[in-house]
Amino acid sequence: MGKRIGLALLCAALLAVPMTASAASSWADGTTYGDKATGKLKYGLTNTLLGWTSLFRTPMKASQSGENVLVGIGKGVWNAVGQTVGGAAHAVTFPIPQIDIPLPEGGTDVLSGS
């Protein structure tokens, strides 16, 4: 029982840190309920399915900008987990657009090409 509580607290902490270190989600700018709910679902699915790509993108960006690649790898792992788990949370809660869970680095940007 104690291990379960510890695991639950660890998971809560891992989800809380990206929330405090990230900006609001891009879909939150929608004007109507439909715009926000649809945008949140797309954002959630994109991050759930493509969040893992941060494992490669972040170290590559660190290398290209002359930063420490090992730090880039650590950030890539953190971003990949945060974006994938956070994306799943967005996809599940899309009918309630008032709930916004900011993702590390603002979520994955694979589809935008940046």
Protein backbone atom coordinates (compact mmCIF):
# COMPACT_ATOMS: atom_id res chain seq x y z
CA MET A 1 0.00 0.00 0.00
CA GLY A 2 2.82 2.42 0.88
CA LYS A 3 4.54 1.76 -2.44
CA ARG A 4 1.35 2.66 -4.32
CA ILE A 5 1.01 5.95 -2.49
CA GLY A 6 4.66 6.74 -3.16
CA LEU A 7 4.23 5.90 -6.84
CA ALA A 8 1.10 8.07 -7.04
CA LEU A 9 2.95 11.00 -5.44
CA LEU A 10 5.88 10.55 -7.83
CA CYS A 11 3.55 10.55 -10.83
CA ALA A 12 1.78 13.66 -9.54
CA ALA A 13 5.11 15.43 -9.10
CA LEU A 14 6.27 14.45 -12.59
CA LEU A 15 3.07 15.86 -14.05
CA ALA A 16 3.17 19.02 -11.94
CA VAL A 17 6.70 20.12 -12.87
CA PRO A 18 6.02 20.45 -16.63
CA MET A 19 2.83 22.37 -15.81
CA THR A 20 4.71 25.00 -13.85
CA ALA A 21 7.52 25.31 -16.40
CA SER A 22 5.44 25.55 -19.58
CA ALA A 23 3.27 28.08 -21.38
CA ALA A 24 -0.44 27.73 -22.12
CA SER A 25 -1.41 25.42 -24.97
CA SER A 26 -1.87 26.71 -28.50
CA TRP A 27 -5.47 25.51 -28.82
CA ALA A 28 -6.61 27.70 -25.90
CA ASP A 29 -6.89 30.71 -28.25
CA GLY A 30 -10.06 29.31 -29.86
CA THR A 31 -13.09 31.60 -29.73
CA THR A 32 -15.90 29.06 -29.44
CA TYR A 33 -16.38 25.90 -27.43
CA GLY A 34 -16.17 23.83 -30.63
CA ASP A 35 -12.93 25.48 -31.71
CA LYS A 36 -11.34 24.87 -28.33
CA ALA A 37 -12.57 21.26 -27.98
CA THR A 38 -11.50 20.33 -31.52
CA GLY A 39 -8.15 22.10 -31.13
CA LYS A 40 -7.55 20.38 -27.80
CA LEU A 41 -8.31 16.95 -29.30
CA LYS A 42 -5.95 17.53 -32.25
CA TYR A 43 -3.26 18.87 -29.91
CA GLY A 44 -3.68 15.88 -27.59
CA LEU A 45 -3.55 13.29 -30.36
CA THR A 46 -0.54 14.95 -31.98
CA ASN A 47 1.40 14.97 -28.72
CA THR A 48 0.31 11.45 -27.78
CA LEU A 49 1.39 10.00 -31.12
CA LEU A 50 4.45 12.19 -31.82
CA GLY A 51 5.72 13.29 -28.40
CA TRP A 52 8.37 10.55 -28.50
CA THR A 53 10.11 12.35 -31.37
CA SER A 54 11.48 14.81 -28.82
CA LEU A 55 13.94 12.05 -27.89
CA PHE A 56 15.73 12.84 -31.16
CA ARG A 57 14.77 16.46 -31.90
CA THR A 58 15.95 17.99 -28.62
CA PRO A 59 19.50 16.54 -28.60
CA MET A 60 19.85 17.41 -32.29
CA LYS A 61 18.83 21.04 -31.60
CA ALA A 62 21.26 21.15 -28.65
CA SER A 63 24.08 19.87 -30.87
CA GLN A 64 23.31 22.36 -33.64
CA SER A 65 23.24 25.30 -31.22
CA GLY A 66 26.51 24.28 -29.56
CA GLU A 67 24.93 23.23 -26.25
CA ASN A 68 25.87 20.13 -24.27
CA VAL A 69 24.38 17.09 -26.04
CA LEU A 70 24.03 15.15 -22.77
CA VAL A 71 21.84 17.93 -21.39
CA GLY A 72 19.88 17.78 -24.66
CA ILE A 73 19.38 14.05 -24.22
CA GLY A 74 18.06 14.58 -20.68
CA LYS A 75 15.72 17.34 -21.85
CA GLY A 76 14.63 15.13 -24.75
CA VAL A 77 13.64 12.29 -22.43
CA TRP A 78 11.82 14.70 -20.11
CA ASN A 79 10.00 16.39 -23.02
CA ALA A 80 9.10 13.09 -24.68
CA VAL A 81 7.52 11.68 -21.53
CA GLY A 82 5.79 14.97 -20.64
CA GLN A 83 4.45 15.53 -24.14
CA THR A 84 3.23 11.97 -24.61
CA VAL A 85 1.54 11.67 -21.20
CA GLY A 86 0.23 15.23 -21.35
CA GLY A 87 -1.07 14.67 -24.87
CA ALA A 88 -3.01 11.64 -23.68
CA ALA A 89 -4.48 13.75 -20.87
CA HIS A 90 -5.53 16.40 -23.41
CA ALA A 91 -7.11 13.79 -25.67
CA VAL A 92 -9.10 12.32 -22.79
CA THR A 93 -10.25 15.69 -21.43
CA PHE A 94 -11.00 17.40 -24.76
CA PRO A 95 -14.73 17.81 -23.96
CA ILE A 96 -13.69 20.07 -21.07
CA PRO A 97 -11.56 22.81 -22.67
CA GLN A 98 -11.35 24.71 -19.38
CA ILE A 99 -8.74 22.15 -18.28
CA ASP A 100 -5.39 23.04 -19.81
CA ILE A 101 -2.29 21.03 -19.03
CA PRO A 102 0.76 22.91 -20.34
CA LEU A 103 3.29 20.60 -21.93
CA PRO A 104 7.10 20.86 -21.94
CA GLU A 105 8.36 23.10 -24.75
CA GLY A 106 4.73 23.88 -25.61
CA GLY A 107 4.16 20.38 -26.98
CA THR A 108 5.49 18.75 -30.10
CA ASP A 109 6.03 20.91 -33.15
CA VAL A 110 6.72 18.14 -35.68
CA LEU A 111 3.73 18.95 -37.88
CA SER A 112 4.42 22.69 -37.95
CA GLY A 113 7.90 22.14 -39.36
CA SER A 114 9.66 24.39 -36.86
